[in-house]
């Protein structure tokens, strides 16, 4: 195992704090109590890293260092103290963008430190960045990030890919991490500000929708199936 650099450790804490804040903001939208704020913050902040560590055979990071849980609690309390603000939804989206980029790099870097192959490092970066948000959305009853046409997962993949490629080319950890973070954040920022999205699937043959309904046991209920399918990006 290769020891992580101070920059990557700093990004790790920043990613946990940012994602924990998005979890608390999701709880705020549902008007939950402070305990639920902290729970949402912790699940979102450490969920992706937990899955990553279990998959690569590493000690689960927050079990070894309780300060990560403390960061989640502080983030939840900060959101609670700030209270209702008109910019809250915008803050949720932009904090999520920062977290995606930071965690895409962090997940790939930690996997690489355990000798994981480069392609799997990129996958670990995407899982680290997105899994906590998936759990957050499920708990909040919101559509998962995986089912939205807007670019989310792709930004984490880009951040991890840039980092892995630069490290493979012999670039030092600091500029590699910075380049990966900037690339991932820029892609997500473009999606938020300019509506960038990956193209959806358009290969369904005429009448295939109806045949699919028959296989499922009948036509969809009223209000179902009237929207175009949304793919995770």
Protein backbone atom coordinates (compact mmCIF):
# COMPACT_ATOMS: atom_id res chain seq x y z
CA UNK A 1 0.00 0.00 0.00
CA UNK A 2 1.20 3.52 -0.86
CA UNK A 3 0.67 6.19 1.80
CA UNK A 4 -1.71 8.94 0.64
CA UNK A 5 -0.38 12.46 0.23
CA UNK A 6 -1.57 15.34 2.46
CA UNK A 7 -3.45 16.75 -0.55
CA UNK A 8 -5.47 13.56 -0.98
CA UNK A 9 -6.19 13.41 2.74
CA UNK A 10 -7.42 17.01 2.60
CA UNK A 11 -9.61 16.23 -0.41
CA UNK A 12 -10.98 13.22 1.44
CA UNK A 13 -12.14 15.32 4.38
CA UNK A 14 -13.48 17.99 2.04
CA UNK A 15 -15.42 15.39 0.06
CA UNK A 16 -16.94 13.94 3.22
CA UNK A 17 -17.93 17.40 4.46
CA UNK A 18 -19.46 18.44 1.15
CA UNK A 19 -21.44 15.24 0.67
CA UNK A 20 -22.53 15.28 4.31
CA UNK A 21 -23.89 18.80 3.72
CA UNK A 22 -25.87 17.58 0.71
CA UNK A 23 -27.36 14.82 2.85
CA UNK A 24 -28.36 17.32 5.53
CA UNK A 25 -29.83 19.63 2.89
CA UNK A 26 -31.91 16.74 1.55
CA UNK A 27 -33.22 16.16 5.08
CA UNK A 28 -33.96 19.88 5.36
CA UNK A 29 -36.13 19.76 2.24
CA UNK A 30 -38.24 17.09 3.99
CA UNK A 31 -38.31 19.12 7.25
CA UNK A 32 -36.76 16.34 9.37
CA UNK A 33 -35.36 16.72 12.88
CA UNK A 34 -31.72 17.18 13.85
CA UNK A 35 -31.08 13.48 14.44
CA UNK A 36 -32.29 12.67 10.92
CA UNK A 37 -30.11 15.53 9.61
CA UNK A 38 -27.08 13.84 11.17
CA UNK A 39 -28.11 10.42 9.86
CA UNK A 40 -28.58 11.69 6.30
CA UNK A 41 -25.27 13.55 6.52
CA UNK A 42 -23.37 10.48 7.72
CA UNK A 43 -24.90 8.08 5.19
CA UNK A 44 -24.19 10.46 2.33
CA UNK A 45 -20.76 11.54 3.51
CA UNK A 46 -19.26 8.13 4.21
CA UNK A 47 -21.47 5.77 2.19
CA UNK A 48 -19.43 5.75 -1.00
CA UNK A 49 -16.11 5.42 0.77
CA UNK A 50 -17.45 2.55 2.85
CA UNK A 51 -18.43 0.58 -0.25
CA UNK A 52 -15.04 1.32 -1.85
CA UNK A 53 -13.08 0.10 1.17
CA UNK A 54 -15.11 -3.09 1.42
CA UNK A 55 -14.55 -3.86 -2.27
CA UNK A 56 -10.79 -3.26 -2.29
CA UNK A 57 -10.20 -5.04 1.02
CA UNK A 58 -9.14 -1.93 2.95
CA UNK A 59 -10.06 -1.14 6.57
CA UNK A 60 -13.22 0.97 6.49
CA UNK A 61 -11.86 4.50 6.84
CA UNK A 62 -14.34 5.96 9.30
CA UNK A 63 -14.09 2.93 11.60
CA UNK A 64 -10.34 3.56 11.85
CA UNK A 65 -10.71 7.34 12.24
CA UNK A 66 -13.84 8.67 13.95
CA UNK A 67 -13.07 12.23 12.85
CA UNK A 68 -14.89 11.51 9.58
CA UNK A 69 -18.12 10.88 11.48
CA UNK A 70 -17.49 14.06 13.45
CA UNK A 71 -17.16 16.00 10.18
CA UNK A 72 -20.57 14.66 9.11
CA UNK A 73 -22.17 15.72 12.39
CA UNK A 74 -20.64 19.20 12.16
CA UNK A 75 -21.91 19.57 8.59
CA UNK A 76 -25.41 18.52 9.67
CA UNK A 77 -25.39 21.02 12.56
CA UNK A 78 -24.18 23.79 10.25
CA UNK A 79 -27.05 23.19 7.83
CA UNK A 80 -29.51 23.09 10.75
CA UNK A 81 -28.22 26.37 12.21
CA UNK A 82 -28.34 28.15 8.85
CA UNK A 83 -32.02 27.26 8.58
CA UNK A 84 -34.20 27.93 5.56
CA UNK A 85 -32.49 29.93 2.84
CA UNK A 86 -33.67 30.67 -0.72
CA UNK A 87 -30.35 29.45 -2.11
CA UNK A 88 -30.56 26.05 -0.40
CA UNK A 89 -31.47 24.00 -3.50
CA UNK A 90 -28.76 25.68 -5.55
CA UNK A 91 -26.28 25.01 -2.75
CA UNK A 92 -27.26 21.33 -2.76
CA UNK A 93 -26.55 21.03 -6.49
CA UNK A 94 -23.22 22.87 -6.45
CA UNK A 95 -21.98 21.15 -3.30
CA UNK A 96 -22.87 17.86 -4.93
CA UNK A 97 -20.79 18.89 -7.96
CA UNK A 98 -17.78 19.62 -5.74
CA UNK A 99 -18.21 16.32 -3.94
CA UNK A 100 -18.47 14.32 -7.16
CA UNK A 101 -15.20 15.74 -8.45
CA UNK A 102 -13.32 15.38 -5.15
CA UNK A 103 -14.52 11.87 -4.43
CA UNK A 104 -13.92 10.71 -8.00
CA UNK A 105 -10.24 11.52 -7.44
CA UNK A 106 -10.14 10.23 -3.86
CA UNK A 107 -11.75 6.89 -4.70
CA UNK A 108 -9.37 6.26 -7.57
CA UNK A 109 -6.34 7.33 -5.53
CA UNK A 110 -7.14 5.08 -2.58
CA UNK A 111 -7.81 2.10 -4.86
CA UNK A 112 -4.46 2.74 -6.58
CA UNK A 113 -2.70 2.84 -3.21
CA UNK A 114 -3.87 -0.76 -2.67
CA UNK A 115 -2.49 -1.92 -6.00
CA UNK A 116 -5.82 -2.10 -7.80
CA UNK A 117 -5.59 -2.12 -11.65
CA UNK A 118 -6.13 1.29 -13.34
CA UNK A 119 -9.53 0.50 -14.87
CA UNK A 120 -10.86 -0.75 -11.53
CA UNK A 121 -9.45 2.40 -9.89
CA UNK A 122 -11.70 4.46 -12.16
CA UNK A 123 -14.69 2.32 -11.21
CA UNK A 124 -13.85 2.78 -7.53
CA UNK A 125 -13.69 6.53 -8.07
CA UNK A 126 -17.17 6.55 -9.57
CA UNK A 127 -18.59 4.33 -6.81
CA UNK A 128 -17.01 6.46 -4.09
CA UNK A 129 -18.48 9.62 -5.62
CA UNK A 130 -21.97 8.35 -6.40
CA UNK A 131 -23.03 5.64 -3.96
CA UNK A 132 -23.63 7.97 -1.00
CA UNK A 133 -25.79 10.20 -3.20
CA UNK A 134 -27.79 7.19 -4.38
CA UNK A 135 -28.51 6.17 -0.79
CA UNK A 136 -29.38 9.78 0.10
CA UNK A 137 -31.90 10.02 -2.75
CA UNK A 138 -33.49 6.69 -1.86
CA UNK A 139 -33.90 7.71 1.79
CA UNK A 140 -35.30 11.11 0.78
CA UNK A 141 -37.72 9.59 -1.74
CA UNK A 142 -36.10 11.47 -4.62
CA UNK A 143 -35.22 10.12 -8.10
CA UNK A 144 -31.78 8.55 -7.95
CA UNK A 145 -28.84 10.30 -9.61
CA UNK A 146 -28.51 7.17 -11.76
CA UNK A 147 -31.93 7.78 -13.33
CA UNK A 148 -31.40 11.39 -14.35
CA UNK A 149 -30.46 12.44 -17.86
CA UNK A 150 -28.20 15.20 -16.52
CA UNK A 151 -24.49 14.48 -16.23
CA UNK A 152 -23.58 13.21 -12.76
CA UNK A 153 -21.84 9.83 -12.79
CA UNK A 154 -19.95 10.87 -15.93
CA UNK A 155 -18.35 13.76 -14.05
CA UNK A 156 -17.02 11.40 -11.38
CA UNK A 157 -15.75 9.00 -14.04
CA UNK A 158 -13.97 11.85 -15.82
CA UNK A 159 -12.32 13.05 -12.59
CA UNK A 160 -11.11 9.54 -11.78
CA UNK A 161 -9.97 8.88 -15.35
CA UNK A 162 -7.91 12.07 -15.61
CA UNK A 163 -6.23 11.31 -12.28
CA UNK A 164 -5.46 7.69 -13.18
CA UNK A 165 -4.13 8.54 -16.65
CA UNK A 166 -1.87 11.29 -15.35
CA UNK A 167 -0.50 9.09 -12.58
CA UNK A 168 0.08 6.30 -15.11
CA UNK A 169 2.00 8.82 -17.24
CA UNK A 170 4.27 9.61 -14.30
CA UNK A 171 2.75 12.92 -13.18
CA UNK A 172 2.97 13.67 -9.46
CA UNK A 173 -0.06 13.16 -7.22
CA UNK A 174 -0.71 16.88 -6.58
CA UNK A 175 -1.11 18.06 -10.20
CA UNK A 176 -2.87 14.80 -11.12
CA UNK A 177 -5.43 15.24 -8.36
CA UNK A 178 -5.91 18.92 -9.18
CA UNK A 179 -6.42 18.20 -12.88
CA UNK A 180 -8.87 15.40 -12.16
CA UNK A 181 -10.86 17.57 -9.76
CA UNK A 182 -11.04 20.51 -12.17
CA UNK A 183 -12.06 18.28 -15.10
CA UNK A 184 -14.81 16.53 -13.15
CA UNK A 185 -16.15 19.74 -11.63
CA UNK A 186 -16.09 21.57 -14.97
CA UNK A 187 -18.15 18.84 -16.61
CA UNK A 188 -20.73 18.82 -13.82
CA UNK A 189 -20.80 22.63 -13.75
CA UNK A 190 -21.53 22.67 -17.47
CA UNK A 191 -24.40 20.27 -16.89
CA UNK A 192 -25.84 22.51 -14.17
CA UNK A 193 -25.39 25.84 -15.92
CA UNK A 194 -25.82 24.87 -19.58
CA UNK A 195 -27.96 21.76 -19.40
CA UNK A 196 -25.36 19.38 -20.83
CA UNK A 197 -26.54 15.76 -20.99
CA UNK A 198 -25.52 12.57 -22.69
CA UNK A 199 -27.81 11.34 -25.49
CA UNK A 200 -30.48 8.86 -24.45
CA UNK A 201 -31.33 5.57 -26.13
CA UNK A 202 -33.56 5.95 -29.21
CA UNK A 203 -33.38 2.47 -30.71
CA UNK A 204 -36.79 1.12 -29.67
CA UNK A 205 -38.77 -0.22 -32.61
CA UNK A 206 -42.35 0.95 -33.31
CA UNK A 207 -44.82 -0.98 -31.16
CA UNK A 208 -42.15 -2.25 -28.79
CA UNK A 209 -43.52 -0.15 -25.93
CA UNK A 210 -46.89 -1.85 -26.28
CA UNK A 211 -45.34 -5.34 -26.40
CA UNK A 212 -43.35 -4.53 -23.28
CA UNK A 213 -46.57 -3.52 -21.51
CA UNK A 214 -48.20 -6.80 -22.49
CA UNK A 215 -45.23 -8.78 -21.12
CA UNK A 216 -45.49 -6.89 -17.81
CA UNK A 217 -49.18 -7.80 -17.60
CA UNK A 218 -51.03 -4.88 -19.11
CA UNK A 219 -50.75 -1.21 -19.93
CA UNK A 220 -49.27 1.19 -17.37
CA UNK A 221 -51.50 2.92 -14.89
CA UNK A 222 -52.72 6.42 -15.61
CA UNK A 223 -49.84 8.87 -15.37
CA UNK A 224 -47.22 6.15 -15.91
CA UNK A 225 -45.22 5.75 -19.06
CA UNK A 226 -46.09 9.19 -20.41
CA UNK A 227 -42.64 10.59 -19.82
CA UNK A 228 -39.62 9.72 -21.94
CA UNK A 229 -37.24 7.27 -20.28
CA UNK A 230 -34.40 8.83 -18.34
CA UNK A 231 -30.99 7.26 -18.30
CA UNK A 232 -28.25 7.70 -15.74
CA UNK A 233 -25.34 9.76 -17.00
